[in-house]
Amino acid sequence: MTKKIRVLIADDHPIVRQGMAVILAAQPDMELIAEATNGQEAVDLAQEFQPDIIIMDLKMPVKNGLTAIKEIDHHLPDTGILVLTSFPDDDSVFTAIKSGAMGFLLKDYPPDQLLDAIRTVYAGESALHPTIARKLMQEIKKPPVLPPSPDPLTPRELDVLQCLAQGLSNREIATELSVSTRTVTTHVRNILDKLHLANRTQAALYAYEKGIT
C-alpha cells in the first residue's frame, strides 16, 4: 500500500479547516492527522505528530504563522510547509520563504491545484502561486542597494531589525519590545535610511544575509 501524505492544517477559521478536511478526505494518497487553531498549536502538534506537510495560515492568534514556520523548520526540517493565506504582503512572502516555507499559495486557488501543490512540496519541490512567483522575480531583479551608512545601528535598532526579519508588524514589534508603535516606526525609518534600503522586505532580507536573526 502506498504511504499516505500526512497533513496538518493550521488555520484559525473553522470553515477553512473543515473545507480542507473534506478535500483531503477524498484523496486516497492523503490523510489529515491534526488541526491547529493558532501558531503555537501548530508548533506543538507538529512536534507531536511530525507531519509530512503543514498547510499554514499566516495571520493567526497566540503566535503568527511566520514565527511558527521558523520554529517548525528548526525542529522538523524535513516537514514541508505550504503557506495558504488570503492577502500576502511582500514582507510575509519573503520572510515565509526565508524561514523555511516550500510553497506559498493564496486561498483563491482551486482545490485541485492545492492538492497538486501538496504533492509537489511533498516531493521536495517548491509550489508558488503565480502572484507570489512574480513578487519574487521582481525582488530578484531590483538593483543592488548602496553600501550601508558608516553610522552603525543602535542596539534597539538591531532589536527592531531582528523583529522585521521575523515578519512582525510594527504593532507586534511594539508589543514584543514594550515600546510605542510610533517609536517602532521611527526605528524602522532610521534602519532603512542607515542601510540605504527601500522597504521592510529588503531590511528583512538584509538581516538574513548578515545573520541578524
N, C-alpha and C. Protein backbone atom coordinates (compact mmCIF):
# COMPACT_ATOMS: atom_id res chain seq x y z
N MET A 1 0.84 -1.20 0.00
CA MET A 1 0.00 0.00 0.00
C MET A 1 0.88 1.25 0.00
N THR A 2 0.56 2.22 -0.85
CA THR A 2 1.35 3.44 -0.94
C THR A 2 1.20 4.26 0.33
N LYS A 3 2.32 4.78 0.80
CA LYS A 3 2.30 5.61 2.00
C LYS A 3 1.51 6.89 1.74
N LYS A 4 0.62 7.22 2.67
CA LYS A 4 -0.18 8.43 2.53
C LYS A 4 0.60 9.65 3.01
N ILE A 5 0.30 10.79 2.40
CA ILE A 5 0.89 12.05 2.82
C ILE A 5 0.14 12.53 4.05
N ARG A 6 0.86 12.64 5.15
CA ARG A 6 0.24 13.02 6.43
C ARG A 6 0.25 14.54 6.55
N VAL A 7 -0.96 15.13 6.67
CA VAL A 7 -1.11 16.58 6.59
C VAL A 7 -1.64 17.16 7.90
N LEU A 8 -1.05 18.27 8.29
CA LEU A 8 -1.53 19.06 9.43
C LEU A 8 -2.03 20.40 8.89
N ILE A 9 -3.21 20.83 9.31
CA ILE A 9 -3.76 22.12 8.89
C ILE A 9 -3.67 23.09 10.05
N ALA A 10 -3.16 24.29 9.79
CA ALA A 10 -3.10 25.34 10.81
C ALA A 10 -3.80 26.57 10.29
N ASP A 11 -5.00 26.84 10.82
CA ASP A 11 -5.78 27.99 10.39
C ASP A 11 -6.79 28.30 11.50
N ASP A 12 -6.98 29.58 11.80
CA ASP A 12 -7.87 29.93 12.91
C ASP A 12 -9.34 30.03 12.49
N HIS A 13 -9.65 29.82 11.22
CA HIS A 13 -11.03 29.86 10.75
C HIS A 13 -11.57 28.44 10.60
N PRO A 14 -12.59 28.08 11.40
CA PRO A 14 -13.14 26.71 11.36
C PRO A 14 -13.63 26.31 9.97
N ILE A 15 -14.25 27.24 9.25
CA ILE A 15 -14.80 26.89 7.93
C ILE A 15 -13.70 26.53 6.95
N VAL A 16 -12.53 27.17 7.09
CA VAL A 16 -11.40 26.85 6.22
C VAL A 16 -10.87 25.46 6.55
N ARG A 17 -10.72 25.18 7.84
CA ARG A 17 -10.23 23.85 8.24
C ARG A 17 -11.20 22.75 7.80
N GLN A 18 -12.49 23.01 7.99
CA GLN A 18 -13.48 22.00 7.61
C GLN A 18 -13.47 21.76 6.11
N GLY A 19 -13.37 22.84 5.34
CA GLY A 19 -13.35 22.69 3.89
C GLY A 19 -12.15 21.89 3.42
N MET A 20 -10.97 22.19 3.99
CA MET A 20 -9.77 21.45 3.59
C MET A 20 -9.85 20.00 4.06
N ALA A 21 -10.47 19.78 5.22
CA ALA A 21 -10.60 18.41 5.73
C ALA A 21 -11.42 17.55 4.76
N VAL A 22 -12.48 18.14 4.22
CA VAL A 22 -13.34 17.42 3.26
C VAL A 22 -12.55 17.11 1.99
N ILE A 23 -11.79 18.09 1.52
CA ILE A 23 -10.99 17.89 0.31
C ILE A 23 -9.95 16.80 0.50
N LEU A 24 -9.26 16.83 1.64
CA LEU A 24 -8.21 15.84 1.91
C LEU A 24 -8.80 14.44 2.09
N ALA A 25 -9.98 14.36 2.71
CA ALA A 25 -10.59 13.06 2.96
C ALA A 25 -10.92 12.32 1.68
N ALA A 26 -11.09 13.06 0.59
CA ALA A 26 -11.44 12.44 -0.68
C ALA A 26 -10.22 11.97 -1.47
N GLN A 27 -9.03 12.20 -0.91
CA GLN A 27 -7.80 11.84 -1.61
C GLN A 27 -7.23 10.52 -1.08
N PRO A 28 -7.06 9.53 -1.92
CA PRO A 28 -6.56 8.24 -1.44
C PRO A 28 -5.11 8.28 -0.99
N ASP A 29 -4.37 9.32 -1.40
CA ASP A 29 -2.96 9.37 -1.03
C ASP A 29 -2.67 10.38 0.08
N MET A 30 -3.73 10.88 0.74
CA MET A 30 -3.53 11.86 1.81
C MET A 30 -4.38 11.53 3.01
N GLU A 31 -3.91 11.98 4.18
CA GLU A 31 -4.73 11.87 5.38
C GLU A 31 -4.47 13.07 6.29
N LEU A 32 -5.54 13.60 6.86
CA LEU A 32 -5.44 14.71 7.80
C LEU A 32 -5.19 14.13 9.19
N ILE A 33 -4.06 14.52 9.80
CA ILE A 33 -3.70 13.93 11.08
C ILE A 33 -3.93 14.87 12.27
N ALA A 34 -4.03 16.19 12.00
CA ALA A 34 -4.24 17.13 13.10
C ALA A 34 -4.65 18.49 12.56
N GLU A 35 -5.33 19.27 13.42
CA GLU A 35 -5.73 20.63 13.07
C GLU A 35 -5.31 21.57 14.19
N ALA A 36 -4.71 22.69 13.81
CA ALA A 36 -4.28 23.70 14.78
C ALA A 36 -5.07 24.98 14.54
N THR A 37 -5.44 25.65 15.62
CA THR A 37 -6.23 26.88 15.51
C THR A 37 -5.39 28.13 15.71
N ASN A 38 -4.11 27.96 16.04
CA ASN A 38 -3.21 29.11 16.17
C ASN A 38 -1.77 28.65 15.96
N GLY A 39 -0.84 29.61 15.90
CA GLY A 39 0.54 29.27 15.60
C GLY A 39 1.21 28.40 16.65
N GLN A 40 0.89 28.64 17.91
CA GLN A 40 1.50 27.83 18.96
C GLN A 40 1.03 26.39 18.89
N GLU A 41 -0.27 26.20 18.63
CA GLU A 41 -0.78 24.84 18.46
C GLU A 41 -0.11 24.16 17.27
N ALA A 42 0.13 24.93 16.22
CA ALA A 42 0.79 24.36 15.04
C ALA A 42 2.18 23.83 15.41
N VAL A 43 2.93 24.61 16.18
CA VAL A 43 4.27 24.18 16.61
C VAL A 43 4.17 22.93 17.47
N ASP A 44 3.26 22.95 18.44
CA ASP A 44 3.13 21.82 19.37
C ASP A 44 2.68 20.54 18.65
N LEU A 45 1.67 20.67 17.80
CA LEU A 45 1.14 19.50 17.09
C LEU A 45 2.14 18.97 16.06
N ALA A 46 2.89 19.87 15.46
CA ALA A 46 3.90 19.44 14.50
C ALA A 46 4.94 18.57 15.19
N GLN A 47 5.39 18.98 16.37
CA GLN A 47 6.38 18.19 17.09
C GLN A 47 5.79 16.88 17.59
N GLU A 48 4.49 16.89 17.91
CA GLU A 48 3.86 15.67 18.40
C GLU A 48 3.62 14.65 17.29
N PHE A 49 3.11 15.11 16.14
CA PHE A 49 2.71 14.19 15.07
C PHE A 49 3.73 14.09 13.94
N GLN A 50 4.64 15.05 13.83
CA GLN A 50 5.65 15.07 12.79
C GLN A 50 5.04 14.78 11.40
N PRO A 51 4.19 15.70 10.93
CA PRO A 51 3.52 15.50 9.65
C PRO A 51 4.49 15.61 8.47
N ASP A 52 4.04 15.14 7.33
CA ASP A 52 4.82 15.30 6.10
C ASP A 52 4.66 16.73 5.56
N ILE A 53 3.43 17.23 5.65
CA ILE A 53 3.09 18.55 5.11
C ILE A 53 2.28 19.33 6.15
N ILE A 54 2.58 20.62 6.27
CA ILE A 54 1.76 21.51 7.08
C ILE A 54 1.21 22.60 6.18
N ILE A 55 -0.12 22.76 6.17
CA ILE A 55 -0.75 23.85 5.45
C ILE A 55 -0.95 24.98 6.46
N MET A 56 -0.24 26.07 6.28
CA MET A 56 -0.13 27.09 7.32
C MET A 56 -0.71 28.44 6.89
N ASP A 57 -1.63 28.94 7.69
CA ASP A 57 -2.09 30.33 7.52
C ASP A 57 -1.07 31.23 8.20
N LEU A 58 -1.04 32.51 7.83
CA LEU A 58 -0.06 33.43 8.42
C LEU A 58 -0.64 34.25 9.55
N LYS A 59 -1.86 34.73 9.39
CA LYS A 59 -2.48 35.59 10.40
C LYS A 59 -3.28 34.73 11.37
N MET A 60 -2.64 34.37 12.48
CA MET A 60 -3.30 33.56 13.50
C MET A 60 -3.02 34.13 14.88
N PRO A 61 -3.89 33.85 15.85
CA PRO A 61 -3.68 34.35 17.21
C PRO A 61 -2.58 33.57 17.94
N VAL A 62 -2.22 34.08 19.11
CA VAL A 62 -1.24 33.49 20.02
C VAL A 62 0.18 33.58 19.44
N LYS A 63 0.37 33.01 18.28
CA LYS A 63 1.66 33.06 17.58
C LYS A 63 1.38 33.09 16.09
N ASN A 64 1.95 34.06 15.38
CA ASN A 64 1.63 34.15 13.95
C ASN A 64 2.31 33.03 13.16
N GLY A 65 1.83 32.85 11.94
CA GLY A 65 2.33 31.75 11.12
C GLY A 65 3.80 31.86 10.77
N LEU A 66 4.30 33.09 10.60
CA LEU A 66 5.71 33.27 10.25
C LEU A 66 6.63 32.77 11.36
N THR A 67 6.28 33.11 12.60
CA THR A 67 7.08 32.63 13.73
C THR A 67 6.98 31.12 13.86
N ALA A 68 5.77 30.60 13.64
CA ALA A 68 5.58 29.14 13.72
C ALA A 68 6.40 28.42 12.65
N ILE A 69 6.43 28.97 11.45
CA ILE A 69 7.21 28.36 10.36
C ILE A 69 8.67 28.24 10.76
N LYS A 70 9.22 29.32 11.29
CA LYS A 70 10.63 29.33 11.66
C LYS A 70 10.93 28.27 12.72
N GLU A 71 10.06 28.17 13.73
CA GLU A 71 10.27 27.20 14.82
C GLU A 71 10.14 25.77 14.30
N ILE A 72 9.13 25.54 13.48
CA ILE A 72 8.92 24.18 12.96
C ILE A 72 10.07 23.77 12.05
N ASP A 73 10.51 24.68 11.19
CA ASP A 73 11.61 24.35 10.29
C ASP A 73 12.88 24.04 11.07
N HIS A 74 13.06 24.70 12.21
CA HIS A 74 14.24 24.44 13.04
C HIS A 74 14.20 23.03 13.63
N HIS A 75 13.03 22.62 14.11
CA HIS A 75 12.91 21.32 14.77
C HIS A 75 12.61 20.18 13.79
N LEU A 76 11.90 20.49 12.70
CA LEU A 76 11.48 19.46 11.76
C LEU A 76 11.81 19.89 10.33
N PRO A 77 13.08 19.93 9.98
CA PRO A 77 13.47 20.43 8.66
C PRO A 77 12.95 19.60 7.50
N ASP A 78 12.56 18.36 7.75
CA ASP A 78 12.06 17.50 6.67
C ASP A 78 10.57 17.67 6.42
N THR A 79 9.90 18.42 7.28
CA THR A 79 8.47 18.66 7.09
C THR A 79 8.27 19.79 6.08
N GLY A 80 7.45 19.54 5.07
CA GLY A 80 7.19 20.56 4.06
C GLY A 80 6.11 21.51 4.53
N ILE A 81 6.39 22.80 4.47
CA ILE A 81 5.42 23.80 4.92
C ILE A 81 4.87 24.54 3.71
N LEU A 82 3.55 24.54 3.59
CA LEU A 82 2.86 25.18 2.48
C LEU A 82 1.99 26.29 3.04
N VAL A 83 2.35 27.53 2.76
CA VAL A 83 1.57 28.68 3.24
C VAL A 83 0.32 28.82 2.39
N LEU A 84 -0.82 29.03 3.06
CA LEU A 84 -2.08 29.27 2.37
C LEU A 84 -2.74 30.46 3.05
N THR A 85 -2.75 31.60 2.37
CA THR A 85 -3.23 32.82 3.00
C THR A 85 -4.08 33.63 2.03
N SER A 86 -4.72 34.68 2.55
CA SER A 86 -5.64 35.47 1.73
C SER A 86 -5.00 36.70 1.12
N PHE A 87 -4.29 37.47 1.95
CA PHE A 87 -3.76 38.75 1.49
C PHE A 87 -2.28 38.84 1.81
N PRO A 88 -1.43 38.35 0.93
CA PRO A 88 0.01 38.38 1.22
C PRO A 88 0.61 39.75 0.95
N ASP A 89 1.51 40.18 1.83
CA ASP A 89 2.30 41.37 1.53
C ASP A 89 3.73 40.91 1.26
N ASP A 90 4.52 41.79 0.69
CA ASP A 90 5.87 41.39 0.30
C ASP A 90 6.68 40.89 1.48
N ASP A 91 6.53 41.55 2.64
CA ASP A 91 7.28 41.13 3.82
C ASP A 91 6.96 39.68 4.19
N SER A 92 5.67 39.34 4.17
CA SER A 92 5.26 37.99 4.54
C SER A 92 5.79 36.95 3.56
N VAL A 93 5.72 37.28 2.28
CA VAL A 93 6.17 36.34 1.25
C VAL A 93 7.64 35.97 1.44
N PHE A 94 8.50 36.99 1.50
CA PHE A 94 9.93 36.71 1.56
C PHE A 94 10.34 36.14 2.91
N THR A 95 9.71 36.61 3.99
CA THR A 95 10.06 36.08 5.31
C THR A 95 9.64 34.62 5.43
N ALA A 96 8.46 34.27 4.92
CA ALA A 96 8.00 32.88 4.99
C ALA A 96 8.93 31.96 4.24
N ILE A 97 9.33 32.36 3.05
CA ILE A 97 10.22 31.52 2.25
C ILE A 97 11.60 31.43 2.88
N LYS A 98 12.10 32.56 3.39
CA LYS A 98 13.40 32.54 4.06
C LYS A 98 13.35 31.68 5.32
N SER A 99 12.19 31.63 5.97
CA SER A 99 12.05 30.89 7.22
C SER A 99 11.89 29.39 7.01
N GLY A 100 11.63 28.98 5.75
CA GLY A 100 11.55 27.55 5.50
C GLY A 100 10.34 27.06 4.74
N ALA A 101 9.40 27.96 4.38
CA ALA A 101 8.23 27.51 3.62
C ALA A 101 8.65 27.05 2.22
N MET A 102 8.11 25.94 1.78
CA MET A 102 8.41 25.40 0.45
C MET A 102 7.36 25.81 -0.58
N GLY A 103 6.22 26.30 -0.11
CA GLY A 103 5.16 26.71 -1.01
C GLY A 103 4.43 27.90 -0.45
N PHE A 104 3.84 28.69 -1.34
CA PHE A 104 3.10 29.87 -0.92
C PHE A 104 1.94 30.05 -1.89
N LEU A 105 0.72 29.80 -1.38
CA LEU A 105 -0.48 29.88 -2.21
C LEU A 105 -1.47 30.86 -1.61
N LEU A 106 -2.38 31.35 -2.45
CA LEU A 106 -3.47 32.19 -1.99
C LEU A 106 -4.74 31.33 -1.89
N LYS A 107 -5.66 31.77 -1.03
CA LYS A 107 -6.85 30.97 -0.77
C LYS A 107 -7.85 30.98 -1.92
N ASP A 108 -7.54 31.72 -3.00
CA ASP A 108 -8.41 31.65 -4.17
C ASP A 108 -7.99 30.53 -5.12
N TYR A 109 -6.99 29.75 -4.70
CA TYR A 109 -6.51 28.64 -5.52
C TYR A 109 -7.58 27.56 -5.61
N PRO A 110 -7.82 26.97 -6.80
CA PRO A 110 -8.78 25.86 -6.92
C PRO A 110 -8.30 24.66 -6.11
N PRO A 111 -9.23 23.88 -5.57
CA PRO A 111 -8.86 22.72 -4.75
C PRO A 111 -7.92 21.75 -5.44
N ASP A 112 -8.13 21.49 -6.73
CA ASP A 112 -7.27 20.52 -7.41
C ASP A 112 -5.84 21.02 -7.50
N GLN A 113 -5.66 22.34 -7.64
CA GLN A 113 -4.31 22.89 -7.70
C GLN A 113 -3.66 22.91 -6.32
N LEU A 114 -4.47 23.09 -5.28
CA LEU A 114 -3.95 22.99 -3.92
C LEU A 114 -3.43 21.58 -3.66
N LEU A 115 -4.18 20.59 -4.09
CA LEU A 115 -3.76 19.20 -3.91
C LEU A 115 -2.47 18.91 -4.68
N ASP A 116 -2.39 19.45 -5.89
CA ASP A 116 -1.15 19.29 -6.67
C ASP A 116 0.03 19.93 -5.94
N ALA A 117 -0.22 21.09 -5.32
CA ALA A 117 0.84 21.78 -4.59
C ALA A 117 1.30 20.96 -3.39
N ILE A 118 0.37 20.31 -2.70
CA ILE A 118 0.73 19.46 -1.57
C ILE A 118 1.65 18.33 -2.04
N ARG A 119 1.29 17.72 -3.14
CA ARG A 119 2.11 16.62 -3.67
C ARG A 119 3.47 17.14 -4.14
N THR A 120 3.48 18.34 -4.71
CA THR A 120 4.74 18.92 -5.18
C THR A 120 5.69 19.19 -4.02
N VAL A 121 5.17 19.80 -2.97
CA VAL A 121 6.01 20.09 -1.79
C VAL A 121 6.45 18.79 -1.13
N TYR A 122 5.57 17.81 -1.09
CA TYR A 122 5.93 16.51 -0.51
C TYR A 122 7.09 15.87 -1.27
N ALA A 123 7.14 16.14 -2.57
CA ALA A 123 8.22 15.60 -3.41
C ALA A 123 9.51 16.40 -3.28
N GLY A 124 9.47 17.46 -2.48
CA GLY A 124 10.67 18.25 -2.25
C GLY A 124 10.83 19.43 -3.18
N GLU A 125 9.79 19.74 -3.93
CA GLU A 125 9.84 20.87 -4.86
C GLU A 125 9.03 22.04 -4.31
N SER A 126 9.26 23.22 -4.84
CA SER A 126 8.52 24.40 -4.40
C SER A 126 7.23 24.55 -5.19
N ALA A 127 6.25 25.17 -4.55
CA ALA A 127 4.95 25.42 -5.21
C ALA A 127 4.55 26.85 -4.90
N LEU A 128 4.48 27.68 -5.93
CA LEU A 128 4.19 29.09 -5.73
C LEU A 128 3.01 29.54 -6.59
N HIS A 129 2.12 30.30 -5.97
CA HIS A 129 1.05 30.96 -6.71
C HIS A 129 1.69 31.92 -7.71
N PRO A 130 1.14 32.07 -8.92
CA PRO A 130 1.75 32.98 -9.91
C PRO A 130 2.01 34.38 -9.38
N THR A 131 1.12 34.90 -8.54
CA THR A 131 1.33 36.23 -7.96
C THR A 131 2.57 36.25 -7.09
N ILE A 132 2.78 35.18 -6.33
CA ILE A 132 3.95 35.10 -5.44
C ILE A 132 5.22 34.94 -6.26
N ALA A 133 5.17 34.12 -7.28
CA ALA A 133 6.34 33.94 -8.15
C ALA A 133 6.74 35.26 -8.79
N ARG A 134 5.73 36.05 -9.17
CA ARG A 134 6.01 37.36 -9.78
C ARG A 134 6.68 38.30 -8.79
N LYS A 135 6.22 38.27 -7.53
CA LYS A 135 6.84 39.11 -6.50
C LYS A 135 8.30 38.74 -6.31
N LEU A 136 8.58 37.45 -6.30
CA LEU A 136 9.96 37.01 -6.12
C LEU A 136 10.84 37.46 -7.28
N MET A 137 10.33 37.34 -8.49
CA MET A 137 11.10 37.75 -9.65
C MET A 137 11.38 39.25 -9.62
N GLN A 138 10.39 40.03 -9.21
CA GLN A 138 10.57 41.48 -9.13
C GLN A 138 11.63 41.84 -8.09
N GLU A 139 11.62 41.12 -6.97
CA GLU A 139 12.60 41.40 -5.93
C GLU A 139 14.01 41.04 -6.40
N ILE A 140 14.14 39.93 -7.09
CA ILE A 140 15.45 39.50 -7.57
C ILE A 140 16.01 40.49 -8.58
N LYS A 141 15.12 41.08 -9.40
CA LYS A 141 15.56 42.00 -10.45
C LYS A 141 15.89 43.40 -9.95
N LYS A 142 15.57 43.69 -8.68
CA LYS A 142 15.84 45.03 -8.17
C LYS A 142 17.33 45.31 -8.17
N PRO A 143 17.73 46.54 -8.48
CA PRO A 143 19.17 46.87 -8.47
C PRO A 143 19.74 46.76 -7.07
N PRO A 144 21.03 46.45 -6.96
CA PRO A 144 21.64 46.34 -5.64
C PRO A 144 21.58 47.66 -4.89
N VAL A 145 21.48 47.58 -3.59
CA VAL A 145 21.38 48.78 -2.76
C VAL A 145 22.77 49.37 -2.55
N LEU A 146 22.80 50.62 -2.11
CA LEU A 146 24.06 51.27 -1.81
C LEU A 146 24.71 50.64 -0.59
N PRO A 147 26.02 50.82 -0.39
CA PRO A 147 26.65 50.31 0.82
C PRO A 147 26.00 50.93 2.05
N PRO A 148 25.92 50.18 3.15
CA PRO A 148 25.32 50.73 4.37
C PRO A 148 26.07 51.96 4.85
N SER A 149 25.34 52.81 5.55
CA SER A 149 25.94 54.00 6.13
C SER A 149 26.98 53.61 7.17
N PRO A 150 28.04 54.41 7.33
CA PRO A 150 29.03 54.10 8.38
C PRO A 150 28.46 54.27 9.78
N ASP A 151 27.32 54.95 9.87
CA ASP A 151 26.68 55.14 11.17
C ASP A 151 26.04 53.81 11.58
N PRO A 152 26.55 53.15 12.61
CA PRO A 152 26.05 51.81 12.94
C PRO A 152 24.64 51.86 13.55
N LEU A 153 23.97 50.73 13.45
CA LEU A 153 22.65 50.62 14.07
C LEU A 153 22.82 50.57 15.59
N THR A 154 21.90 51.19 16.28
CA THR A 154 21.91 51.14 17.74
C THR A 154 21.43 49.77 18.21
N PRO A 155 21.68 49.40 19.45
CA PRO A 155 21.18 48.11 19.96
C PRO A 155 19.67 47.96 19.79
N ARG A 156 18.91 49.06 20.00
CA ARG A 156 17.46 48.97 19.85
C ARG A 156 17.07 48.80 18.38
N GLU A 157 17.79 49.46 17.49
CA GLU A 157 17.53 49.30 16.05
C GLU A 157 17.82 47.87 15.61
N LEU A 158 18.85 47.26 16.19
CA LEU A 158 19.14 45.86 15.89
C LEU A 158 18.01 44.96 16.37
N ASP A 159 17.43 45.28 17.54
CA ASP A 159 16.29 44.52 18.04
C ASP A 159 15.12 44.61 17.06
N VAL A 160 14.87 45.83 16.58
CA VAL A 160 13.77 46.03 15.63
C VAL A 160 14.06 45.29 14.33
N LEU A 161 15.30 45.32 13.87
CA LEU A 161 15.66 44.62 12.63
C LEU A 161 15.46 43.12 12.77
N GLN A 162 15.78 42.58 13.93
CA GLN A 162 15.54 41.15 14.17
C GLN A 162 14.05 40.83 14.07
N CYS A 163 13.23 41.72 14.62
CA CYS A 163 11.78 41.51 14.55
C CYS A 163 11.28 41.61 13.11
N LEU A 164 11.85 42.55 12.35
CA LEU A 164 11.48 42.66 10.94
C LEU A 164 11.79 41.37 10.20
N ALA A 165 12.92 40.76 10.54
CA ALA A 165 13.31 39.51 9.90
C ALA A 165 12.35 38.37 10.23
N GLN A 166 11.62 38.51 11.32
CA GLN A 166 10.62 37.51 11.71
C GLN A 166 9.26 37.79 11.09
N GLY A 167 9.18 38.91 10.33
CA GLY A 167 7.93 39.24 9.67
C GLY A 167 6.90 39.91 10.56
N LEU A 168 7.34 40.45 11.70
CA LEU A 168 6.39 41.09 12.62
C LEU A 168 5.99 42.47 12.11
N SER A 169 4.74 42.84 12.37
CA SER A 169 4.26 44.17 12.03
C SER A 169 4.77 45.17 13.06
N ASN A 170 4.62 46.47 12.78
CA ASN A 170 5.05 47.48 13.75
C ASN A 170 4.32 47.32 15.08
N ARG A 171 3.05 47.00 15.02
CA ARG A 171 2.28 46.81 16.24
C ARG A 171 2.82 45.61 17.04
N GLU A 172 3.13 44.53 16.33
CA GLU A 172 3.65 43.35 17.02
C GLU A 172 5.04 43.61 17.58
N ILE A 173 5.85 44.38 16.85
CA ILE A 173 7.19 44.73 17.34
C ILE A 173 7.07 45.58 18.60
N ALA A 174 6.12 46.52 18.59
CA ALA A 174 5.92 47.38 19.75
C ALA A 174 5.56 46.55 20.98
N THR A 175 4.71 45.56 20.78
CA THR A 175 4.34 44.68 21.90
C THR A 175 5.54 43.85 22.36
N GLU A 176 6.29 43.33 21.40
CA GLU A 176 7.46 42.49 21.72
C GLU A 176 8.52 43.27 22.50
N LEU A 177 8.74 44.54 22.14
CA LEU A 177 9.81 45.33 22.75
C LEU A 177 9.30 46.28 23.83
N SER A 178 7.99 46.26 24.08
CA SER A 178 7.39 47.12 25.12
C SER A 178 7.64 48.60 24.86
N VAL A 179 7.43 49.02 23.62
CA VAL A 179 7.55 50.43 23.24
C VAL A 179 6.30 50.80 22.45
N SER A 180 6.18 52.08 22.09
CA SER A 180 5.02 52.52 21.33
C SER A 180 5.20 52.20 19.84
N THR A 181 4.07 52.11 19.15
CA THR A 181 4.13 51.88 17.70
C THR A 181 4.85 53.02 17.00
N ARG A 182 4.65 54.24 17.48
CA ARG A 182 5.33 55.40 16.88
C ARG A 182 6.84 55.26 17.01
N THR A 183 7.31 54.77 18.16
CA THR A 183 8.75 54.57 18.35
C THR A 183 9.28 53.53 17.37
N VAL A 184 8.52 52.46 17.17
CA VAL A 184 8.94 51.43 16.22
C VAL A 184 9.02 52.01 14.82
N THR A 185 8.03 52.82 14.45
CA THR A 185 8.03 53.44 13.12
C THR A 185 9.28 54.28 12.91
N THR A 186 9.68 55.01 13.94
CA THR A 186 10.89 55.82 13.86
C THR A 186 12.13 54.94 13.69
N HIS A 187 12.20 53.87 14.46
CA HIS A 187 13.34 52.96 14.35
C HIS A 187 13.42 52.34 12.95
N VAL A 188 12.28 51.92 12.41
CA VAL A 188 12.26 51.32 11.07
C VAL A 188 12.76 52.33 10.04
N ARG A 189 12.29 53.56 10.14
CA ARG A 189 12.74 54.59 9.20
C ARG A 189 14.25 54.82 9.31
N ASN A 190 14.77 54.84 10.53
CA ASN A 190 16.21 55.02 10.73
C ASN A 190 17.00 53.85 10.15
N ILE A 191 16.49 52.65 10.32
CA ILE A 191 17.16 51.45 9.80
C ILE A 191 17.25 51.53 8.27
N LEU A 192 16.13 51.86 7.64
CA LEU A 192 16.11 51.95 6.18
C LEU A 192 17.06 53.03 5.68
N ASP A 193 17.08 54.16 6.40
CA ASP A 193 17.97 55.26 6.00
C ASP A 193 19.44 54.86 6.14
N LYS A 194 19.79 54.24 7.26
CA LYS A 194 21.18 53.89 7.51
C LYS A 194 21.68 52.80 6.56
N LEU A 195 20.80 51.87 6.21
CA LEU A 195 21.21 50.75 5.36
C LEU A 195 20.93 51.02 3.87
N HIS A 196 20.36 52.17 3.57
CA HIS A 196 20.02 52.53 2.19
C HIS A 196 19.09 51.47 1.57
N LEU A 197 18.08 51.11 2.31
CA LEU A 197 17.13 50.12 1.84
C LEU A 197 15.80 50.79 1.52
N ALA A 198 15.06 50.18 0.60
CA ALA A 198 13.83 50.81 0.12
C ALA A 198 12.61 50.47 0.97
N ASN A 199 12.60 49.28 1.55
CA ASN A 199 11.40 48.86 2.27
C ASN A 199 11.72 47.80 3.32
N ARG A 200 10.70 47.39 4.05
CA ARG A 200 10.86 46.41 5.13
C ARG A 200 11.32 45.06 4.59
N THR A 201 10.85 44.71 3.40
CA THR A 201 11.25 43.43 2.81
C THR A 201 12.75 43.37 2.60
N GLN A 202 13.31 44.44 2.04
CA GLN A 202 14.75 44.47 1.84
C GLN A 202 15.48 44.45 3.18
N ALA A 203 14.90 45.09 4.19
CA ALA A 203 15.52 45.06 5.52
C ALA A 203 15.54 43.64 6.07
N ALA A 204 14.44 42.90 5.88
CA ALA A 204 14.39 41.51 6.35
C ALA A 204 15.41 40.65 5.61
N LEU A 205 15.50 40.83 4.29
CA LEU A 205 16.48 40.07 3.51
C LEU A 205 17.92 40.41 3.94
N TYR A 206 18.16 41.69 4.21
CA TYR A 206 19.47 42.12 4.68
C TYR A 206 19.81 41.43 6.01
N ALA A 207 18.81 41.37 6.89
CA ALA A 207 19.04 40.75 8.20
C ALA A 207 19.41 39.28 8.05
N TYR A 208 18.73 38.57 7.12
CA TYR A 208 19.04 37.16 6.92
C TYR A 208 20.44 37.00 6.31
N GLU A 209 20.78 37.86 5.36
CA GLU A 209 22.09 37.76 4.72
C GLU A 209 23.22 38.00 5.72
N LYS A 210 22.99 38.90 6.67
CA LYS A 210 24.02 39.26 7.64
C LYS A 210 23.93 38.42 8.93
N GLY A 211 22.99 37.50 8.98
CA GLY A 211 22.85 36.66 10.17
C GLY A 211 22.25 37.38 11.35
N ILE A 212 21.52 38.48 11.10
CA ILE A 212 20.90 39.25 12.19
C ILE A 212 19.49 38.73 12.37
N THR A 213 19.34 37.55 12.94
CA THR A 213 18.03 36.95 13.13
C THR A 213 17.93 36.36 14.52
